[in-house]
Amino acid sequence: MNIREKTSTFVLTPLLVLFFALSANAQQVLPAHECGTHLDDDDLAWLRSYQADPEAYWTQLEAMGATRSSGGDWLVPVKVHIVGNDDGGGYYRLSNLMTVLCEVNEQFDTTGMHFYIRGDINYIDNSDYYAHDFFNGGQMMLENNNGNMVNMYFVDDPAGNCGYFAPFPDGIALAKTCSNPGNSTIAHELGHYFSLPHTFSGWEGGAPPVSQREKVDGSNCGFAGDGFCDTPPDYAAYRWNCPTTGPFTDPDGVEFIPDGSFIMSYSNDACAVRFSEEQRGAMRANLQGTRSGHLT
């Protein structure tokens, strides 16, 4: 394995705005699975505690100088790792990197969170990491992660997915083919990083018990699905073309179509463009609470 640091002459700031003309969402072959993130009860423990009483959590944070306002301005450091094969080939393009991170800042604009590259880009020449399974991906992160920043790895094949967030060892892996300009994959995995589950949470392994299926009338929205009441029911745990899939039927027999505009859904890139207000609040709380070290 040959791991080395290469200095990039590019600098990304929150004020940098790039406009990229896309060729009508050109088709590309994507991995079999959109997202490989698997959040168990332990991984969701912080979020469930926060959702149980957001007001109490914010009261504690505000006493320490935090702010829940969407007009906040939080600079979040990102350590970029670009992985190639043993011969140093196959690197993700820097021109794409600068464009997509600017797009991520646009996607996160309503959260008040702004991402910037800290330090040199870390180039890793390792074929086992370039196309890896979850074990080798975890090893890659354990060997290369930097503390108190988002560690983002661009690889050829992240365990057969477009991307995933690994709660341990706390890093994000992204497929090159899913990280071109115009993608929602990076923002989706960052959503996981800052505590968010899928909008269809509970359906990843197949249909959950009826009691755990979110209802259209919102009567169980606080504990079913993703636990956010401003994201309506979503049972579509597969890649789908917005604006339509289904219809699905909730436990009360009510038919519905999921809202594909949410970044944490599995709708196509062109449709997945936003976070809900409750999702934004959770990410701001997670950043200023659990991940406050990122702001030092």
C-alpha atoms as a PDB file:
ATOM      1  CA  MET A   1       0.000   0.000   0.000  1.00  0.00           C
ATOM      2  CA  ASN A   2       1.302   3.417  -0.929  1.00  0.00           C
ATOM      3  CA  ILE A   3      -0.414   6.304   0.833  1.00  0.00           C
ATOM      4  CA  ARG A   4       0.765   9.817   0.131  1.00  0.00           C
ATOM      5  CA  GLU A   5      -0.391  13.387   0.442  1.00  0.00           C
ATOM      6  CA  LYS A   6      -0.707  15.520  -2.682  1.00  0.00           C
ATOM      7  CA  THR A   7      -1.312  19.243  -2.459  1.00  0.00           C
ATOM      8  CA  SER A   8      -4.268  20.634  -4.372  1.00  0.00           C
ATOM      9  CA  THR A   9      -4.159  24.198  -5.687  1.00  0.00           C
ATOM     10  CA  PHE A  10      -7.954  24.451  -5.399  1.00  0.00           C
ATOM     11  CA  VAL A  11      -9.627  26.009  -2.365  1.00  0.00           C
ATOM     12  CA  LEU A  12     -13.361  25.723  -1.685  1.00  0.00           C
ATOM     13  CA  THR A  13     -15.048  28.415   0.396  1.00  0.00           C
ATOM     14  CA  PRO A  14     -18.704  28.781   1.310  1.00  0.00           C
ATOM     15  CA  LEU A  15     -18.872  31.921  -0.866  1.00  0.00           C
ATOM     16  CA  LEU A  16     -17.696  30.165  -4.013  1.00  0.00           C
ATOM     17  CA  VAL A  17     -20.597  29.729  -6.423  1.00  0.00           C
ATOM     18  CA  LEU A  18     -20.240  27.610  -9.535  1.00  0.00           C
ATOM     19  CA  PHE A  19     -22.900  27.147 -12.171  1.00  0.00           C
ATOM     20  CA  PHE A  20     -22.537  23.883 -14.018  1.00  0.00           C
ATOM     21  CA  ALA A  21     -24.545  23.185 -17.201  1.00  0.00           C
ATOM     22  CA  LEU A  22     -25.698  19.579 -17.154  1.00  0.00           C
ATOM     23  CA  SER A  23     -26.619  17.671 -20.267  1.00  0.00           C
ATOM     24  CA  ALA A  24     -30.250  16.833 -19.404  1.00  0.00           C
ATOM     25  CA  ASN A  25     -29.409  14.314 -16.670  1.00  0.00           C
ATOM     26  CA  ALA A  26     -27.322  11.997 -18.834  1.00  0.00           C
ATOM     27  CA  GLN A  27     -27.941   8.361 -18.039  1.00  0.00           C
ATOM     28  CA  GLN A  28     -25.257   6.340 -16.313  1.00  0.00           C
ATOM     29  CA  VAL A  29     -24.940   2.862 -14.905  1.00  0.00           C
ATOM     30  CA  LEU A  30     -25.294   3.018 -11.125  1.00  0.00           C
ATOM     31  CA  PRO A  31     -24.431   0.405  -8.499  1.00  0.00           C
ATOM     32  CA  ALA A  32     -27.118  -2.052  -7.516  1.00  0.00           C
ATOM     33  CA  HIS A  33     -27.879  -0.219  -4.276  1.00  0.00           C
ATOM     34  CA  GLU A  34     -28.261   3.524  -3.850  1.00  0.00           C
ATOM     35  CA  CYS A  35     -27.147   3.735  -0.204  1.00  0.00           C
ATOM     36  CA  GLY A  36     -25.382   1.164   1.946  1.00  0.00           C
ATOM     37  CA  THR A  37     -25.923   2.983   5.244  1.00  0.00           C
ATOM     38  CA  HIS A  38     -27.310   0.708   7.956  1.00  0.00           C
ATOM     39  CA  LEU A  39     -28.383   2.519  11.133  1.00  0.00           C
ATOM     40  CA  ASP A  40     -29.303   0.258  14.032  1.00  0.00           C
ATOM     41  CA  ASP A  41     -30.968   1.267  17.294  1.00  0.00           C
ATOM     42  CA  ASP A  42     -27.636   2.294  18.830  1.00  0.00           C
ATOM     43  CA  ASP A  43     -26.823   4.498  15.833  1.00  0.00           C
ATOM     44  CA  LEU A  44     -30.237   6.160  16.107  1.00  0.00           C
ATOM     45  CA  ALA A  45     -30.120   6.573  19.899  1.00  0.00           C
ATOM     46  CA  TRP A  46     -29.092  10.242  19.789  1.00  0.00           C
ATOM     47  CA  LEU A  47     -31.779  11.118  17.242  1.00  0.00           C
ATOM     48  CA  ARG A  48     -34.549   9.311  19.104  1.00  0.00           C
ATOM     49  CA  SER A  49     -33.559  11.090  22.310  1.00  0.00           C
ATOM     50  CA  TYR A  50     -33.578  14.436  20.504  1.00  0.00           C
ATOM     51  CA  GLN A  51     -36.925  13.739  18.819  1.00  0.00           C
ATOM     52  CA  ALA A  52     -38.496  12.830  22.167  1.00  0.00           C
ATOM     53  CA  ASP A  53     -38.146  16.468  23.295  1.00  0.00           C
ATOM     54  CA  PRO A  54     -36.388  18.820  20.838  1.00  0.00           C
ATOM     55  CA  GLU A  55     -37.299  21.880  22.911  1.00  0.00           C
ATOM     56  CA  ALA A  56     -35.525  20.536  25.997  1.00  0.00           C
ATOM     57  CA  TYR A  57     -32.454  19.617  23.957  1.00  0.00           C
ATOM     58  CA  TRP A  58     -32.288  23.080  22.396  1.00  0.00           C
ATOM     59  CA  THR A  59     -32.708  24.739  25.780  1.00  0.00           C
ATOM     60  CA  GLN A  60     -29.575  22.949  26.958  1.00  0.00           C
ATOM     61  CA  LEU A  61     -27.654  23.800  23.780  1.00  0.00           C
ATOM     62  CA  GLU A  62     -28.664  27.458  23.844  1.00  0.00           C
ATOM     63  CA  ALA A  63     -27.451  27.717  27.444  1.00  0.00           C
ATOM     64  CA  MET A  64     -24.024  26.827  26.037  1.00  0.00           C
ATOM     65  CA  GLY A  65     -24.209  29.449  23.273  1.00  0.00           C
ATOM     66  CA  ALA A  66     -25.688  27.375  20.444  1.00  0.00           C
ATOM     67  CA  THR A  67     -28.388  28.666  18.128  1.00  0.00           C
ATOM     68  CA  ARG A  68     -31.241  26.882  16.438  1.00  0.00           C
ATOM     69  CA  SER A  69     -31.752  29.638  13.866  1.00  0.00           C
ATOM     70  CA  SER A  70     -31.642  28.621  10.197  1.00  0.00           C
ATOM     71  CA  GLY A  71     -29.728  31.856   9.648  1.00  0.00           C
ATOM     72  CA  GLY A  72     -26.692  30.490  11.464  1.00  0.00           C
ATOM     73  CA  ASP A  73     -23.349  30.280   9.726  1.00  0.00           C
ATOM     74  CA  TRP A  74     -21.469  27.113  10.651  1.00  0.00           C
ATOM     75  CA  LEU A  75     -18.287  26.231   8.755  1.00  0.00           C
ATOM     76  CA  VAL A  76     -17.853  22.460   8.645  1.00  0.00           C
ATOM     77  CA  PRO A  77     -14.428  21.043   7.690  1.00  0.00           C
ATOM     78  CA  VAL A  78     -14.174  18.158   5.231  1.00  0.00           C
ATOM     79  CA  LYS A  79     -11.136  15.948   4.812  1.00  0.00           C
ATOM     80  CA  VAL A  80     -11.150  14.614   1.263  1.00  0.00           C
ATOM     81  CA  HIS A  81      -9.560  11.245   0.511  1.00  0.00           C
ATOM     82  CA  ILE A  82      -9.300  10.246  -3.151  1.00  0.00           C
ATOM     83  CA  VAL A  83      -8.636   6.541  -3.604  1.00  0.00           C
ATOM     84  CA  GLY A  84      -6.986   4.940  -6.630  1.00  0.00           C
ATOM     85  CA  ASN A  85      -5.742   1.460  -7.419  1.00  0.00           C
ATOM     86  CA  ASP A  86      -2.336   0.091  -6.445  1.00  0.00           C
ATOM     87  CA  ASP A  87      -0.788   1.783  -9.506  1.00  0.00           C
ATOM     88  CA  GLY A  88      -2.208   5.201  -8.675  1.00  0.00           C
ATOM     89  CA  GLY A  89      -4.848   5.087 -11.384  1.00  0.00           C
ATOM     90  CA  GLY A  90      -8.577   5.802 -11.396  1.00  0.00           C
ATOM     91  CA  TYR A  91      -8.642   8.911  -9.224  1.00  0.00           C
ATOM     92  CA  TYR A  92     -11.822  10.939  -8.892  1.00  0.00           C
ATOM     93  CA  ARG A  93     -11.478  14.187 -10.850  1.00  0.00           C
ATOM     94  CA  LEU A  94     -10.654  17.341  -8.916  1.00  0.00           C
ATOM     95  CA  SER A  95     -12.771  19.439 -11.272  1.00  0.00           C
ATOM     96  CA  ASN A  96     -15.791  17.336 -10.298  1.00  0.00           C
ATOM     97  CA  LEU A  97     -14.902  17.590  -6.617  1.00  0.00           C
ATOM     98  CA  MET A  98     -14.920  21.379  -6.600  1.00  0.00           C
ATOM     99  CA  THR A  99     -18.212  21.533  -8.459  1.00  0.00           C
ATOM    100  CA  VAL A 100     -20.079  18.958  -6.372  1.00  0.00           C
ATOM    101  CA  LEU A 101     -18.980  20.419  -3.031  1.00  0.00           C
ATOM    102  CA  CYS A 102     -20.257  23.788  -4.158  1.00  0.00           C
ATOM    103  CA  GLU A 103     -23.518  22.067  -5.060  1.00  0.00           C
ATOM    104  CA  VAL A 104     -23.605  20.452  -1.619  1.00  0.00           C
ATOM    105  CA  ASN A 105     -23.343  23.909  -0.073  1.00  0.00           C
ATOM    106  CA  GLU A 106     -26.355  24.925  -2.134  1.00  0.00           C
ATOM    107  CA  GLN A 107     -28.264  21.815  -1.006  1.00  0.00           C
ATOM    108  CA  PHE A 108     -27.429  22.605   2.636  1.00  0.00           C
ATOM    109  CA  ASP A 109     -27.956  26.353   2.342  1.00  0.00           C
ATOM    110  CA  THR A 110     -31.191  26.304   4.367  1.00  0.00           C
ATOM    111  CA  THR A 111     -29.441  24.516   7.243  1.00  0.00           C
ATOM    112  CA  GLY A 112     -26.851  27.257   7.778  1.00  0.00           C
ATOM    113  CA  MET A 113     -24.103  24.643   7.407  1.00  0.00           C
ATOM    114  CA  HIS A 114     -21.297  25.329   4.922  1.00  0.00           C
ATOM    115  CA  PHE A 115     -18.638  22.780   3.986  1.00  0.00           C
ATOM    116  CA  TYR A 116     -15.017  23.520   3.137  1.00  0.00           C
ATOM    117  CA  ILE A 117     -11.969  21.391   2.398  1.00  0.00           C
ATOM    118  CA  ARG A 118      -9.454  21.428   5.236  1.00  0.00           C
ATOM    119  CA  GLY A 119      -5.831  20.596   4.482  1.00  0.00           C
ATOM    120  CA  ASP A 120      -4.392  18.768   1.528  1.00  0.00           C
ATOM    121  CA  ILE A 121      -6.318  16.118  -0.330  1.00  0.00           C
ATOM    122  CA  ASN A 122      -5.168  12.668   0.751  1.00  0.00           C
ATOM    123  CA  TYR A 123      -4.469  10.335  -2.179  1.00  0.00           C
ATOM    124  CA  ILE A 124      -4.556   6.631  -1.317  1.00  0.00           C
ATOM    125  CA  ASP A 125      -3.239   4.000  -3.755  1.00  0.00           C
ATOM    126  CA  ASN A 126      -4.830   0.740  -2.663  1.00  0.00           C
ATOM    127  CA  SER A 127      -6.874  -1.556  -4.899  1.00  0.00           C
ATOM    128  CA  ASP A 128      -8.505  -3.197  -1.870  1.00  0.00           C
ATOM    129  CA  TYR A 129      -9.889   0.175  -0.858  1.00  0.00           C
ATOM    130  CA  TYR A 130     -10.580   1.394  -4.405  1.00  0.00           C
ATOM    131  CA  ALA A 131     -13.196  -1.378  -4.798  1.00  0.00           C
ATOM    132  CA  HIS A 132     -13.983  -2.581  -1.309  1.00  0.00           C
ATOM    133  CA  ASP A 133     -16.389  -4.516   0.888  1.00  0.00           C
ATOM    134  CA  PHE A 134     -17.574  -3.094   4.209  1.00  0.00           C
ATOM    135  CA  PHE A 135     -14.704  -4.699   6.127  1.00  0.00           C
ATOM    136  CA  ASN A 136     -12.011  -3.150   3.923  1.00  0.00           C
ATOM    137  CA  GLY A 137     -13.922   0.120   3.850  1.00  0.00           C
ATOM    138  CA  GLY A 138     -13.853   0.233   7.622  1.00  0.00           C
ATOM    139  CA  GLN A 139     -10.147  -0.549   7.624  1.00  0.00           C
ATOM    140  CA  MET A 140      -9.579   2.262   5.112  1.00  0.00           C
ATOM    141  CA  MET A 141     -11.303   4.741   7.401  1.00  0.00           C
ATOM    142  CA  LEU A 142      -9.584   3.532  10.566  1.00  0.00           C
ATOM    143  CA  GLU A 143      -6.197   4.036   8.896  1.00  0.00           C
ATOM    144  CA  ASN A 144      -6.897   7.441   7.345  1.00  0.00           C
ATOM    145  CA  ASN A 145      -9.603   9.329   9.239  1.00  0.00           C
ATOM    146  CA  ASN A 146      -8.792  12.770  10.629  1.00  0.00           C
ATOM    147  CA  GLY A 147     -10.495  13.830  13.845  1.00  0.00           C
ATOM    148  CA  ASN A 148     -13.178  16.530  14.186  1.00  0.00           C
ATOM    149  CA  MET A 149     -14.008  16.783  10.507  1.00  0.00           C
ATOM    150  CA  VAL A 150     -16.110  14.975   7.928  1.00  0.00           C
ATOM    151  CA  ASN A 151     -13.957  12.261   6.320  1.00  0.00           C
ATOM    152  CA  MET A 152     -15.103  11.717   2.740  1.00  0.00           C
ATOM    153  CA  TYR A 153     -13.636   8.937   0.539  1.00  0.00           C
ATOM    154  CA  PHE A 154     -14.121   8.869  -3.233  1.00  0.00           C
ATOM    155  CA  VAL A 155     -13.648   5.333  -4.542  1.00  0.00           C
ATOM    156  CA  ASP A 156     -14.624   3.183  -7.501  1.00  0.00           C
ATOM    157  CA  ASP A 157     -16.925   0.754  -5.688  1.00  0.00           C
ATOM    158  CA  PRO A 158     -18.042   1.315  -2.070  1.00  0.00           C
ATOM    159  CA  ALA A 159     -19.332  -2.185  -1.286  1.00  0.00           C
ATOM    160  CA  GLY A 160     -21.684  -2.226  -4.276  1.00  0.00           C
ATOM    161  CA  ASN A 161     -23.408   1.051  -3.379  1.00  0.00           C
ATOM    162  CA  CYS A 162     -23.532   4.610  -4.615  1.00  0.00           C
ATOM    163  CA  GLY A 163     -22.304   5.532  -1.155  1.00  0.00           C
ATOM    164  CA  TYR A 164     -22.606   4.864   2.554  1.00  0.00           C
ATOM    165  CA  PHE A 165     -21.970   6.411   5.935  1.00  0.00           C
ATOM    166  CA  ALA A 166     -20.254   4.116   8.447  1.00  0.00           C
ATOM    167  CA  PRO A 167     -21.147   5.176  12.033  1.00  0.00           C
ATOM    168  CA  PHE A 168     -18.033   3.317  13.092  1.00  0.00           C
ATOM    169  CA  PRO A 169     -15.384   4.279  12.188  1.00  0.00           C
ATOM    170  CA  ASP A 170     -17.302   7.443  11.248  1.00  0.00           C
ATOM    171  CA  GLY A 171     -16.693   8.166   7.590  1.00  0.00           C
ATOM    172  CA  ILE A 172     -18.418   8.473   4.227  1.00  0.00           C
ATOM    173  CA  ALA A 173     -17.531   6.430   1.130  1.00  0.00           C
ATOM    174  CA  LEU A 174     -18.757   7.536  -2.293  1.00  0.00           C
ATOM    175  CA  ALA A 175     -18.709   5.932  -5.737  1.00  0.00           C
ATOM    176  CA  LYS A 176     -17.155   8.063  -8.465  1.00  0.00           C
ATOM    177  CA  THR A 177     -20.034   7.283 -10.835  1.00  0.00           C
ATOM    178  CA  CYS A 178     -22.575   8.572  -8.319  1.00  0.00           C
ATOM    179  CA  SER A 179     -20.593  11.697  -7.416  1.00  0.00           C
ATOM    180  CA  ASN A 180     -20.731  13.603 -10.686  1.00  0.00           C
ATOM    181  CA  PRO A 181     -22.197  17.117 -10.814  1.00  0.00           C
ATOM    182  CA  GLY A 182     -25.945  17.106 -10.337  1.00  0.00           C
ATOM    183  CA  ASN A 183     -25.953  14.250  -7.798  1.00  0.00           C
ATOM    184  CA  SER A 184     -27.817  14.000  -4.477  1.00  0.00           C
ATOM    185  CA  THR A 185     -25.665  11.139  -3.131  1.00  0.00           C
ATOM    186  CA  ILE A 186     -23.155  13.283  -1.256  1.00  0.00           C
ATOM    187  CA  ALA A 187     -25.839  15.383   0.451  1.00  0.00           C
ATOM    188  CA  HIS A 188     -27.751  12.178   1.275  1.00  0.00           C
ATOM    189  CA  GLU A 189     -24.750  10.604   3.023  1.00  0.00           C
ATOM    190  CA  LEU A 190     -24.001  13.864   4.834  1.00  0.00           C
ATOM    191  CA  GLY A 191     -27.575  13.762   6.080  1.00  0.00           C
ATOM    192  CA  HIS A 192     -26.836  10.341   7.591  1.00  0.00           C
ATOM    193  CA  TYR A 193     -23.590  11.694   9.044  1.00  0.00           C
ATOM    194  CA  PHE A 194     -25.538  14.389  10.901  1.00  0.00           C
ATOM    195  CA  SER A 195     -28.089  11.912  12.323  1.00  0.00           C
ATOM    196  CA  LEU A 196     -30.804  11.585   9.651  1.00  0.00           C
ATOM    197  CA  PRO A 197     -32.314   8.201   8.713  1.00  0.00           C
ATOM    198  CA  HIS A 198     -34.015   7.510   5.390  1.00  0.00           C
ATOM    199  CA  THR A 199     -37.503   8.923   4.934  1.00  0.00           C
ATOM    200  CA  PHE A 200     -38.508   5.262   4.439  1.00  0.00           C
ATOM    201  CA  SER A 201     -36.719   4.184   7.629  1.00  0.00           C
ATOM    202  CA  GLY A 202     -37.771   0.700   8.677  1.00  0.00           C
ATOM    203  CA  TRP A 203     -38.337  -0.554   5.143  1.00  0.00           C
ATOM    204  CA  GLU A 204     -34.684  -1.194   4.245  1.00  0.00           C
ATOM    205  CA  GLY A 205     -34.932  -4.910   5.069  1.00  0.00           C
ATOM    206  CA  GLY A 206     -38.439  -5.427   3.718  1.00  0.00           C
ATOM    207  CA  ALA A 207     -41.887  -4.559   5.040  1.00  0.00           C
ATOM    208  CA  PRO A 208     -41.845  -3.741   8.784  1.00  0.00           C
ATOM    209  CA  PRO A 209     -44.661  -4.736  11.149  1.00  0.00           C
ATOM    210  CA  VAL A 210     -47.895  -2.872  10.444  1.00  0.00           C
ATOM    211  CA  SER A 211     -47.606  -1.073  13.789  1.00  0.00           C
ATOM    212  CA  GLN A 212     -44.346   0.527  12.621  1.00  0.00           C
ATOM    213  CA  ARG A 213     -45.652   1.807   9.285  1.00  0.00           C
ATOM    214  CA  GLU A 214     -46.196   5.553   9.240  1.00  0.00           C
ATOM    215  CA  LYS A 215     -49.774   6.666   8.590  1.00  0.00           C
ATOM    216  CA  VAL A 216     -50.938   9.376   6.228  1.00  0.00           C
ATOM    217  CA  ASP A 217     -52.916  11.141   8.985  1.00  0.00           C
ATOM    218  CA  GLY A 218     -49.698  11.658  10.995  1.00  0.00           C
ATOM    219  CA  SER A 219     -51.056   9.991  14.120  1.00  0.00           C
ATOM    220  CA  ASN A 220     -47.894   7.888  14.609  1.00  0.00           C
ATOM    221  CA  CYS A 221     -45.354  10.147  12.874  1.00  0.00           C
ATOM    222  CA  GLY A 222     -43.354  10.708  16.057  1.00  0.00           C
ATOM    223  CA  PHE A 223     -42.170   7.120  16.282  1.00  0.00           C
ATOM    224  CA  ALA A 224     -42.896   5.427  12.942  1.00  0.00           C
ATOM    225  CA  GLY A 225     -40.680   5.856   9.896  1.00  0.00           C
ATOM    226  CA  ASP A 226     -37.955   8.467  10.353  1.00  0.00           C
ATOM    227  CA  GLY A 227     -39.629  10.050  13.403  1.00  0.00           C
ATOM    228  CA  PHE A 228     -40.104  13.434  11.714  1.00  0.00           C
ATOM    229  CA  CYS A 229     -43.680  14.625  11.378  1.00  0.00           C
ATOM    230  CA  ASP A 230     -42.986  16.973   8.464  1.00  0.00           C
ATOM    231  CA  THR A 231     -41.785  14.132   6.222  1.00  0.00           C
ATOM    232  CA  PRO A 232     -44.879  12.181   5.133  1.00  0.00           C
ATOM    233  CA  PRO A 233     -44.991   8.380   4.784  1.00  0.00           C
ATOM    234  CA  ASP A 234     -42.507   6.789   2.393  1.00  0.00           C
ATOM    235  CA  TYR A 235     -42.348   3.041   1.830  1.00  0.00           C
ATOM    236  CA  ALA A 236     -40.121   3.144  -1.287  1.00  0.00           C
ATOM    237  CA  ALA A 237     -36.823   1.539  -0.227  1.00  0.00           C
ATOM    238  CA  TYR A 238     -35.557   1.374  -3.809  1.00  0.00           C
ATOM    239  CA  ARG A 239     -34.313   3.796  -6.442  1.00  0.00           C
ATOM    240  CA  TRP A 240     -37.325   5.407  -8.133  1.00  0.00           C
ATOM    241  CA  ASN A 241     -38.038   8.053 -10.727  1.00  0.00           C
ATOM    242  CA  CYS A 242     -39.837  11.026  -9.275  1.00  0.00           C
ATOM    243  CA  PRO A 243     -42.550  12.341  -9.515  1.00  0.00           C
ATOM    244  CA  THR A 244     -44.362   9.057  -9.080  1.00  0.00           C
ATOM    245  CA  THR A 245     -44.071   5.600  -7.579  1.00  0.00           C
ATOM    246  CA  GLY A 246     -46.690   3.442  -5.920  1.00  0.00           C
ATOM    247  CA  PRO A 247     -49.341   4.168  -4.866  1.00  0.00           C
ATOM    248  CA  PHE A 248     -48.801   2.638  -1.438  1.00  0.00           C
ATOM    249  CA  THR A 249     -51.451   1.911   1.161  1.00  0.00           C
ATOM    250  CA  ASP A 250     -50.990   2.808   4.827  1.00  0.00           C
ATOM    251  CA  PRO A 251     -52.339   0.718   7.771  1.00  0.00           C
ATOM    252  CA  ASP A 252     -55.659   2.600   7.623  1.00  0.00           C
ATOM    253  CA  GLY A 253     -56.145   1.731   3.958  1.00  0.00           C
ATOM    254  CA  VAL A 254     -55.280   5.223   2.725  1.00  0.00           C
ATOM    255  CA  GLU A 255     -53.368   5.345  -0.572  1.00  0.00           C
ATOM    256  CA  PHE A 256     -50.496   7.778  -1.007  1.00  0.00           C
ATOM    257  CA  ILE A 257     -47.570   8.696  -3.233  1.00  0.00           C
ATOM    258  CA  PRO A 258     -44.250   9.388  -1.402  1.00  0.00           C
ATOM    259  CA  ASP A 259     -42.710  12.839  -1.635  1.00  0.00           C
ATOM    260  CA  GLY A 260     -39.572  12.463  -3.722  1.00  0.00           C
ATOM    261  CA  SER A 261     -38.290  15.970  -3.098  1.00  0.00           C
ATOM    262  CA  PHE A 262     -36.550  14.891   0.110  1.00  0.00           C
ATOM    263  CA  ILE A 263     -32.807  14.248  -0.150  1.00  0.00           C
ATOM    264  CA  MET A 264     -33.122  11.399   2.354  1.00  0.00           C
ATOM    265  CA  SER A 265     -35.502   9.503   0.052  1.00  0.00           C
ATOM    266  CA  TYR A 266     -34.415   7.243  -2.793  1.00  0.00           C
ATOM    267  CA  SER A 267     -35.917   9.354  -5.573  1.00  0.00           C
ATOM    268  CA  ASN A 268     -33.794  10.333  -8.555  1.00  0.00           C
ATOM    269  CA  ASP A 269     -31.137  13.040  -8.293  1.00  0.00           C
ATOM    270  CA  ALA A 270     -33.113  15.678 -10.158  1.00  0.00           C
ATOM    271  CA  CYS A 271     -36.027  15.367  -7.718  1.00  0.00           C
ATOM    272  CA  ALA A 272     -34.227  15.014  -4.353  1.00  0.00           C
ATOM    273  CA  VAL A 273     -33.482  18.632  -3.499  1.00  0.00           C
ATOM    274  CA  ARG A 274     -34.432  19.469   0.097  1.00  0.00           C
ATOM    275  CA  PHE A 275     -34.441  18.726   3.793  1.00  0.00           C
ATOM    276  CA  SER A 276     -37.543  19.341   5.902  1.00  0.00           C
ATOM    277  CA  GLU A 277     -37.489  21.908   8.705  1.00  0.00           C
ATOM    278  CA  GLU A 278     -37.414  19.180  11.360  1.00  0.00           C
ATOM    279  CA  GLN A 279     -34.566  17.425   9.560  1.00  0.00           C
ATOM    280  CA  ARG A 280     -32.646  20.710   9.392  1.00  0.00           C
ATOM    281  CA  GLY A 281     -33.199  21.306  13.100  1.00  0.00           C
ATOM    282  CA  ALA A 282     -31.890  17.847  13.987  1.00  0.00           C
ATOM    283  CA  MET A 283     -28.752  18.332  11.899  1.00  0.00           C
ATOM    284  CA  ARG A 284     -28.060  21.728  13.463  1.00  0.00           C
ATOM    285  CA  ALA A 285     -28.519  20.239  16.934  1.00  0.00           C
ATOM    286  CA  ASN A 286     -26.283  17.280  16.092  1.00  0.00           C
ATOM    287  CA  LEU A 287     -23.547  19.560  14.754  1.00  0.00           C
ATOM    288  CA  GLN A 288     -23.574  21.882  17.769  1.00  0.00           C
ATOM    289  CA  GLY A 289     -24.017  19.064  20.270  1.00  0.00           C
ATOM    290  CA  THR A 290     -22.560  15.657  19.466  1.00  0.00           C
ATOM    291  CA  ARG A 291     -20.264  16.980  16.722  1.00  0.00           C
ATOM    292  CA  SER A 292     -19.342  20.328  18.244  1.00  0.00           C
ATOM    293  CA  GLY A 293     -15.647  19.426  17.809  1.00  0.00           C
ATOM    294  CA  HIS A 294     -16.087  20.114  14.095  1.00  0.00           C
ATOM    295  CA  LEU A 295     -16.611  23.778  14.919  1.00  0.00           C
ATOM    296  CA  THR A 296     -13.371  24.342  16.829  1.00  0.00           C
END
